Amino acid sequence: MTKEAGKKMKMRGGYSVRALSASLLLLPSTAFANPIDSGDTAWMLTATALVLFMTIPGLALFYAGMVRSKNVLSVLMQCFAIAGLMTVLWVFWGYSLAFEDGGKWNAFVGGFGKLFLDGVGVSSVLDGQTIPETVFMTFQMTFAIITPALIVGAFAERMKFSALLWFMGLWLTFVYVPVCHWVWGGGWLGDWGILDFAGGTVVHINAGVAGLVAALVLGKRKGFPDAAMPPHNLTLTVVGVSMLWVGWFGFNAGSELAADSTAGMAMAVTQVATAAAALGWMFSEWVSHGKPSVLGIASGAVAGLVAITPASGSVSPRGHWLSVS
């Protein structure tokens, strides 16, 4: 190569670098700033569908099998209506009050900046996340759906449908939303460092306390305990529990909000804890009653799922035993 040819190649190289730099400057800033990860988004879309699957039809069938045959459609109707009502209320004000900054009141409740999902668009992403805000909002919506639905089992066959709708709407607004904000939305419990990976406080303690209070206020079912009221169809109950078991992988592993190693570990401990609790209940019943029952092993599985939920992002398969013991 001659000296003159070398100079020409250097000049062409310089022009190429400058041209490339100029073209990069013309690209939209979103080409560099967009934090959305397609893998994380795909997993969270799946997890969201799994959690909704837990309520309809999972929880609906679980409760439907436990009541008397004349009340099956009533329980199914209640769970479906709750799914619809909670969705609308979450869009109107629930999401904003749970996850928007509440200013000087942020320790207790969120703000009104995202009422009716104002500002939640196609390209909006919350700080520190790699999924669209629409996906995060819908994922949290499924939690707001299943938590009130859990309470239904505490007063099955004892509340009018219209009263149930009023109760659930008010409970979501004045109980679930504030507690959700306290733990996950930047409130005072979150500031204290509470460890609630997937809803031990927000979902299970919250719904459990509400169910206990409702049961105490409404009292026993008419005729109980003089008349036996066994579950009318345990097949429905077991099918419902099976759906809950599968859907719970989205509930726990999805709470990582990413497809990473923590989500994988949460899925692993969820499976191990559920299996261990189901077997533990079965063998305990075997020893105490002489034989196991399908309702017992199903109840054990649900107990294991509930017990591992808050710790699913913090323990290993060996450490989960403390959670279910």
C-alpha atoms as a PDB file:
ATOM      1  CA  MET A   1       0.000   0.000   0.000  1.00  0.00           C
ATOM      2  CA  THR A   2       1.368   3.397  -0.989  1.00  0.00           C
ATOM      3  CA  LYS A   3       1.601   6.311   1.417  1.00  0.00           C
ATOM      4  CA  GLU A   4      -1.035   8.229  -0.559  1.00  0.00           C
ATOM      5  CA  ALA A   5      -3.478   5.289  -0.473  1.00  0.00           C
ATOM      6  CA  GLY A   6      -3.036   5.040   3.288  1.00  0.00           C
ATOM      7  CA  LYS A   7      -3.939   8.704   3.718  1.00  0.00           C
ATOM      8  CA  LYS A   8      -7.093   8.204   1.632  1.00  0.00           C
ATOM      9  CA  MET A   9      -8.161   5.243   3.773  1.00  0.00           C
ATOM     10  CA  LYS A  10      -7.649   7.253   6.986  1.00  0.00           C
ATOM     11  CA  MET A  11      -9.709  10.105   5.547  1.00  0.00           C
ATOM     12  CA  ARG A  12     -12.502   7.697   4.577  1.00  0.00           C
ATOM     13  CA  GLY A  13     -12.349   6.131   8.062  1.00  0.00           C
ATOM     14  CA  GLY A  14     -12.640   9.558   9.655  1.00  0.00           C
ATOM     15  CA  TYR A  15     -15.628  10.414   7.481  1.00  0.00           C
ATOM     16  CA  SER A  16     -17.266   7.066   8.413  1.00  0.00           C
ATOM     17  CA  VAL A  17     -16.829   7.660  12.143  1.00  0.00           C
ATOM     18  CA  ARG A  18     -18.213  11.193  11.885  1.00  0.00           C
ATOM     19  CA  ALA A  19     -21.142  10.001   9.769  1.00  0.00           C
ATOM     20  CA  LEU A  20     -21.920   7.234  12.272  1.00  0.00           C
ATOM     21  CA  SER A  21     -21.767   9.680  15.162  1.00  0.00           C
ATOM     22  CA  ALA A  22     -24.101  12.083  13.379  1.00  0.00           C
ATOM     23  CA  SER A  23     -26.596   9.309  12.603  1.00  0.00           C
ATOM     24  CA  LEU A  24     -26.604   8.162  16.233  1.00  0.00           C
ATOM     25  CA  LEU A  25     -27.369  11.693  17.358  1.00  0.00           C
ATOM     26  CA  LEU A  26     -30.411  11.701  15.084  1.00  0.00           C
ATOM     27  CA  LEU A  27     -31.852   8.547  16.706  1.00  0.00           C
ATOM     28  CA  PRO A  28     -34.693   9.095  19.213  1.00  0.00           C
ATOM     29  CA  SER A  29     -33.647   9.153  22.832  1.00  0.00           C
ATOM     30  CA  THR A  30     -35.881   6.156  23.556  1.00  0.00           C
ATOM     31  CA  ALA A  31     -33.418   4.001  21.633  1.00  0.00           C
ATOM     32  CA  PHE A  32     -31.054   4.443  24.563  1.00  0.00           C
ATOM     33  CA  ALA A  33     -33.330   5.290  27.499  1.00  0.00           C
ATOM     34  CA  ASN A  34     -36.065   2.640  27.133  1.00  0.00           C
ATOM     35  CA  PRO A  35     -35.648   0.291  30.117  1.00  0.00           C
ATOM     36  CA  ILE A  36     -38.332  -2.212  29.061  1.00  0.00           C
ATOM     37  CA  ASP A  37     -37.045  -5.779  28.933  1.00  0.00           C
ATOM     38  CA  SER A  38     -39.028  -8.098  26.665  1.00  0.00           C
ATOM     39  CA  GLY A  39     -38.218 -11.188  28.730  1.00  0.00           C
ATOM     40  CA  ASP A  40     -39.347  -9.591  31.985  1.00  0.00           C
ATOM     41  CA  THR A  41     -42.465  -8.249  30.291  1.00  0.00           C
ATOM     42  CA  ALA A  42     -43.383 -11.631  28.814  1.00  0.00           C
ATOM     43  CA  TRP A  43     -43.041 -13.298  32.204  1.00  0.00           C
ATOM     44  CA  MET A  44     -45.122 -10.631  33.954  1.00  0.00           C
ATOM     45  CA  LEU A  45     -47.878 -10.922  31.349  1.00  0.00           C
ATOM     46  CA  THR A  46     -47.970 -14.643  32.116  1.00  0.00           C
ATOM     47  CA  ALA A  47     -47.857 -14.099  35.883  1.00  0.00           C
ATOM     48  CA  THR A  48     -50.734 -11.627  35.683  1.00  0.00           C
ATOM     49  CA  ALA A  49     -52.908 -14.157  33.868  1.00  0.00           C
ATOM     50  CA  LEU A  50     -51.972 -16.835  36.428  1.00  0.00           C
ATOM     51  CA  VAL A  51     -53.010 -14.676  39.388  1.00  0.00           C
ATOM     52  CA  LEU A  52     -56.353 -13.827  37.775  1.00  0.00           C
ATOM     53  CA  PHE A  53     -56.769 -17.565  37.120  1.00  0.00           C
ATOM     54  CA  MET A  54     -56.500 -18.088  40.892  1.00  0.00           C
ATOM     55  CA  THR A  55     -59.722 -16.141  41.483  1.00  0.00           C
ATOM     56  CA  ILE A  56     -61.765 -17.072  38.439  1.00  0.00           C
ATOM     57  CA  PRO A  57     -62.176 -19.973  38.330  1.00  0.00           C
ATOM     58  CA  GLY A  58     -59.768 -21.293  41.028  1.00  0.00           C
ATOM     59  CA  LEU A  59     -61.046 -19.681  44.224  1.00  0.00           C
ATOM     60  CA  ALA A  60     -64.625 -19.670  42.924  1.00  0.00           C
ATOM     61  CA  LEU A  61     -64.572 -23.464  42.479  1.00  0.00           C
ATOM     62  CA  PHE A  62     -62.781 -23.990  45.800  1.00  0.00           C
ATOM     63  CA  TYR A  63     -65.550 -22.210  47.695  1.00  0.00           C
ATOM     64  CA  ALA A  64     -68.341 -23.596  45.494  1.00  0.00           C
ATOM     65  CA  GLY A  65     -67.462 -27.140  46.485  1.00  0.00           C
ATOM     66  CA  MET A  66     -67.485 -26.257  50.185  1.00  0.00           C
ATOM     67  CA  VAL A  67     -71.022 -24.848  50.397  1.00  0.00           C
ATOM     68  CA  ARG A  68     -74.386 -26.581  50.133  1.00  0.00           C
ATOM     69  CA  SER A  69     -75.580 -27.385  46.630  1.00  0.00           C
ATOM     70  CA  LYS A  70     -78.295 -24.715  46.688  1.00  0.00           C
ATOM     71  CA  ASN A  71     -75.675 -21.973  47.146  1.00  0.00           C
ATOM     72  CA  VAL A  72     -73.124 -23.006  44.503  1.00  0.00           C
ATOM     73  CA  LEU A  73     -74.225 -20.474  41.903  1.00  0.00           C
ATOM     74  CA  SER A  74     -74.384 -17.771  44.565  1.00  0.00           C
ATOM     75  CA  VAL A  75     -70.712 -18.245  45.481  1.00  0.00           C
ATOM     76  CA  LEU A  76     -69.656 -18.381  41.831  1.00  0.00           C
ATOM     77  CA  MET A  77     -71.615 -15.191  41.142  1.00  0.00           C
ATOM     78  CA  GLN A  78     -70.001 -13.437  44.094  1.00  0.00           C
ATOM     79  CA  CYS A  79     -66.460 -14.248  42.944  1.00  0.00           C
ATOM     80  CA  PHE A  80     -67.156 -13.177  39.369  1.00  0.00           C
ATOM     81  CA  ALA A  81     -68.855  -9.957  40.463  1.00  0.00           C
ATOM     82  CA  ILE A  82     -65.951  -9.139  42.777  1.00  0.00           C
ATOM     83  CA  ALA A  83     -63.529  -9.573  39.870  1.00  0.00           C
ATOM     84  CA  GLY A  84     -65.500  -7.062  37.828  1.00  0.00           C
ATOM     85  CA  LEU A  85     -66.109  -4.538  40.597  1.00  0.00           C
ATOM     86  CA  MET A  86     -62.534  -4.535  41.872  1.00  0.00           C
ATOM     87  CA  THR A  87     -61.221  -4.051  38.336  1.00  0.00           C
ATOM     88  CA  VAL A  88     -63.321  -0.919  37.829  1.00  0.00           C
ATOM     89  CA  LEU A  89     -62.522   0.554  41.251  1.00  0.00           C
ATOM     90  CA  TRP A  90     -58.812  -0.174  40.796  1.00  0.00           C
ATOM     91  CA  VAL A  91     -58.847   1.793  37.542  1.00  0.00           C
ATOM     92  CA  PHE A  92     -60.896   4.654  38.991  1.00  0.00           C
ATOM     93  CA  TRP A  93     -58.897   5.323  42.161  1.00  0.00           C
ATOM     94  CA  GLY A  94     -57.385   2.175  43.671  1.00  0.00           C
ATOM     95  CA  TYR A  95     -54.128   2.119  41.715  1.00  0.00           C
ATOM     96  CA  SER A  96     -53.477   5.819  42.242  1.00  0.00           C
ATOM     97  CA  LEU A  97     -54.115   5.730  45.998  1.00  0.00           C
ATOM     98  CA  ALA A  98     -51.976   2.603  46.380  1.00  0.00           C
ATOM     99  CA  PHE A  99     -48.915   3.504  44.297  1.00  0.00           C
ATOM    100  CA  GLU A 100     -48.888   7.230  43.532  1.00  0.00           C
ATOM    101  CA  ASP A 101     -46.863   9.534  45.778  1.00  0.00           C
ATOM    102  CA  GLY A 102     -49.084  10.980  48.474  1.00  0.00           C
ATOM    103  CA  GLY A 103     -46.945  13.983  49.359  1.00  0.00           C
ATOM    104  CA  LYS A 104     -46.994  14.807  53.058  1.00  0.00           C
ATOM    105  CA  TRP A 105     -49.493  11.972  53.624  1.00  0.00           C
ATOM    106  CA  ASN A 106     -47.423   9.413  51.728  1.00  0.00           C
ATOM    107  CA  ALA A 107     -46.702   7.379  54.857  1.00  0.00           C
ATOM    108  CA  PHE A 108     -50.388   6.473  55.020  1.00  0.00           C
ATOM    109  CA  VAL A 109     -51.959   6.771  51.574  1.00  0.00           C
ATOM    110  CA  GLY A 110     -51.041   7.564  47.993  1.00  0.00           C
ATOM    111  CA  GLY A 111     -52.021  10.532  45.875  1.00  0.00           C
ATOM    112  CA  PHE A 112     -54.614  11.352  43.233  1.00  0.00           C
ATOM    113  CA  GLY A 113     -52.218  11.889  40.336  1.00  0.00           C
ATOM    114  CA  LYS A 114     -53.205   8.689  38.521  1.00  0.00           C
ATOM    115  CA  LEU A 115     -56.958   8.632  38.995  1.00  0.00           C
ATOM    116  CA  PHE A 116     -58.602   6.849  36.056  1.00  0.00           C
ATOM    117  CA  LEU A 117     -55.041   5.775  35.091  1.00  0.00           C
ATOM    118  CA  ASP A 118     -54.098   9.306  34.112  1.00  0.00           C
ATOM    119  CA  GLY A 119     -50.526   9.218  32.805  1.00  0.00           C
ATOM    120  CA  VAL A 120     -50.390   5.426  32.563  1.00  0.00           C
ATOM    121  CA  GLY A 121     -49.625   5.096  28.875  1.00  0.00           C
ATOM    122  CA  VAL A 122     -48.017   2.695  26.455  1.00  0.00           C
ATOM    123  CA  SER A 123     -44.504   3.976  27.092  1.00  0.00           C
ATOM    124  CA  SER A 124     -44.712   4.770  30.827  1.00  0.00           C
ATOM    125  CA  VAL A 125     -42.353   2.825  33.100  1.00  0.00           C
ATOM    126  CA  LEU A 126     -41.935   3.221  36.854  1.00  0.00           C
ATOM    127  CA  ASP A 127     -38.470   3.980  38.213  1.00  0.00           C
ATOM    128  CA  GLY A 128     -36.359   0.884  38.727  1.00  0.00           C
ATOM    129  CA  GLN A 129     -38.653  -1.410  36.720  1.00  0.00           C
ATOM    130  CA  THR A 130     -38.151  -3.128  33.376  1.00  0.00           C
ATOM    131  CA  ILE A 131     -41.809  -3.705  32.503  1.00  0.00           C
ATOM    132  CA  PRO A 132     -44.465  -1.291  31.181  1.00  0.00           C
ATOM    133  CA  GLU A 133     -46.484   0.423  33.888  1.00  0.00           C
ATOM    134  CA  THR A 134     -49.634  -0.977  32.300  1.00  0.00           C
ATOM    135  CA  VAL A 135     -48.395  -4.487  33.079  1.00  0.00           C
ATOM    136  CA  PHE A 136     -47.463  -3.559  36.654  1.00  0.00           C
ATOM    137  CA  MET A 137     -50.849  -1.910  37.169  1.00  0.00           C
ATOM    138  CA  THR A 138     -52.725  -4.956  35.878  1.00  0.00           C
ATOM    139  CA  PHE A 139     -50.597  -7.357  37.927  1.00  0.00           C
ATOM    140  CA  GLN A 140     -51.396  -5.411  41.081  1.00  0.00           C
ATOM    141  CA  MET A 141     -55.040  -5.312  40.011  1.00  0.00           C
ATOM    142  CA  THR A 142     -55.196  -9.113  40.174  1.00  0.00           C
ATOM    143  CA  PHE A 143     -54.048  -8.904  43.809  1.00  0.00           C
ATOM    144  CA  ALA A 144     -56.791  -6.363  44.483  1.00  0.00           C
ATOM    145  CA  ILE A 145     -59.248  -8.851  42.968  1.00  0.00           C
ATOM    146  CA  ILE A 146     -58.259 -11.999  44.843  1.00  0.00           C
ATOM    147  CA  THR A 147     -57.895 -10.393  48.283  1.00  0.00           C
ATOM    148  CA  PRO A 148     -61.569  -9.374  48.664  1.00  0.00           C
ATOM    149  CA  ALA A 149     -62.612 -12.659  47.048  1.00  0.00           C
ATOM    150  CA  LEU A 150     -60.795 -14.552  49.809  1.00  0.00           C
ATOM    151  CA  ILE A 151     -63.154 -13.012  52.363  1.00  0.00           C
ATOM    152  CA  VAL A 152     -66.176 -14.631  50.691  1.00  0.00           C
ATOM    153  CA  GLY A 153     -65.429 -17.973  52.334  1.00  0.00           C
ATOM    154  CA  ALA A 154     -65.786 -16.463  55.806  1.00  0.00           C
ATOM    155  CA  PHE A 155     -69.430 -15.486  55.329  1.00  0.00           C
ATOM    156  CA  ALA A 156     -70.574 -17.875  52.606  1.00  0.00           C
ATOM    157  CA  GLU A 157     -74.357 -18.378  52.571  1.00  0.00           C
ATOM    158  CA  ARG A 158     -74.902 -15.513  55.025  1.00  0.00           C
ATOM    159  CA  MET A 159     -74.758 -12.187  53.153  1.00  0.00           C
ATOM    160  CA  LYS A 160     -77.053 -10.612  50.582  1.00  0.00           C
ATOM    161  CA  PHE A 161     -75.502  -9.993  47.195  1.00  0.00           C
ATOM    162  CA  SER A 162     -76.150  -6.240  47.265  1.00  0.00           C
ATOM    163  CA  ALA A 163     -74.622  -5.950  50.738  1.00  0.00           C
ATOM    164  CA  LEU A 164     -71.591  -7.913  49.563  1.00  0.00           C
ATOM    165  CA  LEU A 165     -70.956  -5.494  46.704  1.00  0.00           C
ATOM    166  CA  TRP A 166     -71.168  -2.481  49.015  1.00  0.00           C
ATOM    167  CA  PHE A 167     -68.912  -4.127  51.579  1.00  0.00           C
ATOM    168  CA  MET A 168     -66.281  -5.144  49.038  1.00  0.00           C
ATOM    169  CA  GLY A 169     -66.173  -1.727  47.390  1.00  0.00           C
ATOM    170  CA  LEU A 170     -65.748   0.069  50.704  1.00  0.00           C
ATOM    171  CA  TRP A 171     -63.264  -2.499  51.993  1.00  0.00           C
ATOM    172  CA  LEU A 172     -61.063  -2.171  48.918  1.00  0.00           C
ATOM    173  CA  THR A 173     -61.051   1.625  49.219  1.00  0.00           C
ATOM    174  CA  PHE A 174     -60.554   2.054  52.943  1.00  0.00           C
ATOM    175  CA  VAL A 175     -58.659  -1.105  53.934  1.00  0.00           C
ATOM    176  CA  TYR A 176     -56.892  -2.877  51.076  1.00  0.00           C
ATOM    177  CA  VAL A 177     -55.617   0.200  49.264  1.00  0.00           C
ATOM    178  CA  PRO A 178     -54.071   1.877  52.358  1.00  0.00           C
ATOM    179  CA  VAL A 179     -52.441  -1.360  53.570  1.00  0.00           C
ATOM    180  CA  CYS A 180     -51.088  -2.013  50.072  1.00  0.00           C
ATOM    181  CA  HIS A 181     -49.603   1.489  50.068  1.00  0.00           C
ATOM    182  CA  TRP A 182     -48.109   1.025  53.551  1.00  0.00           C
ATOM    183  CA  VAL A 183     -46.193  -2.061  52.427  1.00  0.00           C
ATOM    184  CA  TRP A 184     -45.546  -1.773  48.672  1.00  0.00           C
ATOM    185  CA  GLY A 185     -46.312   1.839  47.779  1.00  0.00           C
ATOM    186  CA  GLY A 186     -43.726   3.653  49.884  1.00  0.00           C
ATOM    187  CA  GLY A 187     -45.716   3.859  53.112  1.00  0.00           C
ATOM    188  CA  TRP A 188     -44.627   3.577  56.726  1.00  0.00           C
ATOM    189  CA  LEU A 189     -44.388  -0.227  56.877  1.00  0.00           C
ATOM    190  CA  GLY A 190     -42.188  -0.281  53.800  1.00  0.00           C
ATOM    191  CA  ASP A 191     -39.967   2.373  55.349  1.00  0.00           C
ATOM    192  CA  TRP A 192     -39.610   0.196  58.435  1.00  0.00           C
ATOM    193  CA  GLY A 193     -38.244  -2.594  56.231  1.00  0.00           C
ATOM    194  CA  ILE A 194     -41.127  -5.065  56.468  1.00  0.00           C
ATOM    195  CA  LEU A 195     -40.463  -8.272  54.528  1.00  0.00           C
ATOM    196  CA  ASP A 196     -43.591  -9.119  52.563  1.00  0.00           C
ATOM    197  CA  PHE A 197     -42.461 -10.420  49.210  1.00  0.00           C
ATOM    198  CA  ALA A 198     -45.801 -11.485  47.767  1.00  0.00           C
ATOM    199  CA  GLY A 199     -48.621 -10.559  50.127  1.00  0.00           C
ATOM    200  CA  GLY A 200     -48.460 -12.139  53.575  1.00  0.00           C
ATOM    201  CA  THR A 201     -49.619  -8.851  55.109  1.00  0.00           C
ATOM    202  CA  VAL A 202     -51.271  -7.103  52.175  1.00  0.00           C
ATOM    203  CA  VAL A 203     -53.313 -10.125  51.111  1.00  0.00           C
ATOM    204  CA  HIS A 204     -53.551 -12.872  53.719  1.00  0.00           C
ATOM    205  CA  ILE A 205     -53.497 -11.062  57.062  1.00  0.00           C
ATOM    206  CA  ASN A 206     -55.647  -8.324  55.572  1.00  0.00           C
ATOM    207  CA  ALA A 207     -58.274 -10.724  54.232  1.00  0.00           C
ATOM    208  CA  GLY A 208     -58.048 -12.959  57.299  1.00  0.00           C
ATOM    209  CA  VAL A 209     -58.839 -10.166  59.741  1.00  0.00           C
ATOM    210  CA  ALA A 210     -61.706  -8.946  57.560  1.00  0.00           C
ATOM    211  CA  GLY A 211     -63.108 -12.465  57.275  1.00  0.00           C
ATOM    212  CA  LEU A 212     -62.922 -13.012  61.031  1.00  0.00           C
ATOM    213  CA  VAL A 213     -64.708  -9.751  61.784  1.00  0.00           C
ATOM    214  CA  ALA A 214     -67.386 -10.440  59.163  1.00  0.00           C
ATOM    215  CA  ALA A 215     -67.987 -13.959  60.509  1.00  0.00           C
ATOM    216  CA  LEU A 216     -68.314 -12.669  64.078  1.00  0.00           C
ATOM    217  CA  VAL A 217     -70.737  -9.929  63.051  1.00  0.00           C
ATOM    218  CA  LEU A 218     -72.933 -12.158  60.873  1.00  0.00           C
ATOM    219  CA  GLY A 219     -72.846 -15.170  63.168  1.00  0.00           C
ATOM    220  CA  LYS A 220     -73.488 -18.816  62.323  1.00  0.00           C
ATOM    221  CA  ARG A 221     -75.392 -20.131  59.353  1.00  0.00           C
ATOM    222  CA  LYS A 222     -79.073 -20.802  60.003  1.00  0.00           C
ATOM    223  CA  GLY A 223     -79.485 -24.260  61.483  1.00  0.00           C
ATOM    224  CA  PHE A 224     -75.823 -24.740  62.358  1.00  0.00           C
ATOM    225  CA  PRO A 225     -74.648 -26.743  64.296  1.00  0.00           C
ATOM    226  CA  ASP A 226     -77.945 -28.612  64.780  1.00  0.00           C
ATOM    227  CA  ALA A 227     -77.995 -29.596  61.109  1.00  0.00           C
ATOM    228  CA  ALA A 228     -74.907 -31.052  59.439  1.00  0.00           C
ATOM    229  CA  MET A 229     -73.610 -28.907  56.574  1.00  0.00           C
ATOM    230  CA  PRO A 230     -70.815 -30.891  54.910  1.00  0.00           C
ATOM    231  CA  PRO A 231     -69.223 -29.756  51.629  1.00  0.00           C
ATOM    232  CA  HIS A 232     -71.524 -30.836  48.839  1.00  0.00           C
ATOM    233  CA  ASN A 233     -68.899 -31.495  46.139  1.00  0.00           C
ATOM    234  CA  LEU A 234     -65.261 -32.007  47.081  1.00  0.00           C
ATOM    235  CA  THR A 235     -64.405 -32.600  43.430  1.00  0.00           C
ATOM    236  CA  LEU A 236     -64.963 -28.905  42.760  1.00  0.00           C
ATOM    237  CA  THR A 237     -62.906 -28.042  45.836  1.00  0.00           C
ATOM    238  CA  VAL A 238     -59.923 -30.146  44.753  1.00  0.00           C
ATOM    239  CA  VAL A 239     -60.075 -28.778  41.206  1.00  0.00           C
ATOM    240  CA  GLY A 240     -60.146 -25.272  42.659  1.00  0.00           C
ATOM    241  CA  VAL A 241     -57.168 -25.958  44.929  1.00  0.00           C
ATOM    242  CA  SER A 242     -55.258 -27.385  41.958  1.00  0.00           C
ATOM    243  CA  MET A 243     -55.858 -24.164  40.047  1.00  0.00           C
ATOM    244  CA  LEU A 244     -54.773 -22.140  43.059  1.00  0.00           C
ATOM    245  CA  TRP A 245     -51.567 -24.182  43.286  1.00  0.00           C
ATOM    246  CA  VAL A 246     -50.688 -23.558  39.646  1.00  0.00           C
ATOM    247  CA  GLY A 247     -51.704 -19.904  39.732  1.00  0.00           C
ATOM    248  CA  TRP A 248     -49.665 -19.283  42.874  1.00  0.00           C
ATOM    249  CA  PHE A 249     -46.453 -19.511  40.839  1.00  0.00           C
ATOM    250  CA  GLY A 250     -47.505 -16.260  39.197  1.00  0.00           C
ATOM    251  CA  PHE A 251     -48.499 -14.871  42.587  1.00  0.00           C
ATOM    252  CA  ASN A 252     -45.132 -15.524  44.257  1.00  0.00           C
ATOM    253  CA  ALA A 253     -42.576 -15.667  41.452  1.00  0.00           C
ATOM    254  CA  GLY A 254     -44.304 -12.814  39.642  1.00  0.00           C
ATOM    255  CA  SER A 255     -43.868 -10.540  42.648  1.00  0.00           C
ATOM    256  CA  GLU A 256     -40.190 -10.215  41.721  1.00  0.00           C
ATOM    257  CA  LEU A 257     -41.432  -8.217  38.680  1.00  0.00           C
ATOM    258  CA  ALA A 258     -38.643  -9.733  36.593  1.00  0.00           C
ATOM    259  CA  ALA A 259     -37.610 -13.046  35.064  1.00  0.00           C
ATOM    260  CA  ASP A 260     -34.481 -13.567  37.148  1.00  0.00           C
ATOM    261  CA  SER A 261     -32.924 -15.913  39.697  1.00  0.00           C
ATOM    262  CA  THR A 262     -35.038 -14.594  42.577  1.00  0.00           C
ATOM    263  CA  ALA A 263     -38.204 -15.405  40.647  1.00  0.00           C
ATOM    264  CA  GLY A 264     -36.830 -18.873  39.977  1.00  0.00           C
ATOM    265  CA  MET A 265     -36.096 -19.448  43.660  1.00  0.00           C
ATOM    266  CA  ALA A 266     -39.542 -18.142  44.624  1.00  0.00           C
ATOM    267  CA  MET A 267     -41.105 -20.653  42.251  1.00  0.00           C
ATOM    268  CA  ALA A 268     -38.998 -23.494  43.672  1.00  0.00           C
ATOM    269  CA  VAL A 269     -39.794 -22.803  47.326  1.00  0.00           C
ATOM    270  CA  THR A 270     -43.479 -22.335  46.494  1.00  0.00           C
ATOM    271  CA  GLN A 271     -43.631 -25.837  45.050  1.00  0.00           C
ATOM    272  CA  VAL A 272     -41.644 -27.442  47.869  1.00  0.00           C
ATOM    273  CA  ALA A 273     -43.577 -25.673  50.641  1.00  0.00           C
ATOM    274  CA  THR A 274     -46.940 -26.604  49.160  1.00  0.00           C
ATOM    275  CA  ALA A 275     -46.007 -30.249  48.709  1.00  0.00           C
ATOM    276  CA  ALA A 276     -44.534 -30.493  52.217  1.00  0.00           C
ATOM    277  CA  ALA A 277     -47.575 -28.880  53.845  1.00  0.00           C
ATOM    278  CA  ALA A 278     -50.013 -31.085  51.913  1.00  0.00           C
ATOM    279  CA  LEU A 279     -48.168 -34.238  52.965  1.00  0.00           C
ATOM    280  CA  GLY A 280     -47.789 -32.992  56.530  1.00  0.00           C
ATOM    281  CA  TRP A 281     -51.536 -32.402  56.861  1.00  0.00           C
ATOM    282  CA  MET A 282     -52.291 -35.764  55.253  1.00  0.00           C
ATOM    283  CA  PHE A 283     -50.042 -37.746  57.626  1.00  0.00           C
ATOM    284  CA  SER A 284     -51.248 -35.787  60.663  1.00  0.00           C
ATOM    285  CA  GLU A 285     -54.828 -36.607  59.766  1.00  0.00           C
ATOM    286  CA  TRP A 286     -53.851 -40.210  59.140  1.00  0.00           C
ATOM    287  CA  VAL A 287     -52.427 -40.497  62.649  1.00  0.00           C
ATOM    288  CA  SER A 288     -55.201 -38.601  64.433  1.00  0.00           C
ATOM    289  CA  HIS A 289     -58.240 -39.939  62.535  1.00  0.00           C
ATOM    290  CA  GLY A 290     -57.034 -43.277  61.224  1.00  0.00           C
ATOM    291  CA  LYS A 291     -57.211 -42.264  57.553  1.00  0.00           C
ATOM    292  CA  PRO A 292     -56.447 -39.211  55.416  1.00  0.00           C
ATOM    293  CA  SER A 293     -59.069 -37.231  53.515  1.00  0.00           C
ATOM    294  CA  VAL A 294     -59.039 -35.348  50.244  1.00  0.00           C
ATOM    295  CA  LEU A 295     -60.249 -32.204  52.029  1.00  0.00           C
ATOM    296  CA  GLY A 296     -57.351 -32.534  54.468  1.00  0.00           C
ATOM    297  CA  ILE A 297     -54.626 -32.778  51.843  1.00  0.00           C
ATOM    298  CA  ALA A 298     -56.215 -29.910  49.891  1.00  0.00           C
ATOM    299  CA  SER A 299     -56.348 -27.786  53.045  1.00  0.00           C
ATOM    300  CA  GLY A 300     -52.695 -28.589  53.724  1.00  0.00           C
ATOM    301  CA  ALA A 301     -51.716 -27.437  50.244  1.00  0.00           C
ATOM    302  CA  VAL A 302     -53.510 -24.116  50.727  1.00  0.00           C
ATOM    303  CA  ALA A 303     -51.867 -23.684  54.137  1.00  0.00           C
ATOM    304  CA  GLY A 304     -48.438 -24.225  52.585  1.00  0.00           C
ATOM    305  CA  LEU A 305     -49.126 -21.727  49.818  1.00  0.00           C
ATOM    306  CA  VAL A 306     -50.230 -19.086  52.297  1.00  0.00           C
ATOM    307  CA  ALA A 307     -47.326 -19.730  54.670  1.00  0.00           C
ATOM    308  CA  ILE A 308     -44.591 -19.413  52.039  1.00  0.00           C
ATOM    309  CA  THR A 309     -46.004 -16.304  50.347  1.00  0.00           C
ATOM    310  CA  PRO A 310     -44.325 -13.517  52.373  1.00  0.00           C
ATOM    311  CA  ALA A 311     -40.980 -15.348  52.527  1.00  0.00           C
ATOM    312  CA  SER A 312     -40.875 -16.790  49.012  1.00  0.00           C
ATOM    313  CA  GLY A 313     -38.335 -14.227  47.827  1.00  0.00           C
ATOM    314  CA  SER A 314     -36.111 -14.560  50.880  1.00  0.00           C
ATOM    315  CA  VAL A 315     -35.625 -18.269  51.627  1.00  0.00           C
ATOM    316  CA  SER A 316     -34.175 -21.336  49.931  1.00  0.00           C
ATOM    317  CA  PRO A 317     -35.773 -24.801  49.674  1.00  0.00           C
ATOM    318  CA  ARG A 318     -33.939 -25.735  52.880  1.00  0.00           C
ATOM    319  CA  GLY A 319     -34.960 -22.591  54.739  1.00  0.00           C
ATOM    320  CA  HIS A 320     -38.631 -22.776  53.773  1.00  0.00           C
ATOM    321  CA  TRP A 321     -39.285 -25.379  56.460  1.00  0.00           C
ATOM    322  CA  LEU A 322     -39.293 -22.614  59.057  1.00  0.00           C
ATOM    323  CA  SER A 323     -42.022 -20.837  57.088  1.00  0.00           C
ATOM    324  CA  VAL A 324     -44.391 -23.808  56.986  1.00  0.00           C
ATOM    325  CA  SER A 325     -43.639 -25.245  60.425  1.00  0.00           C
END
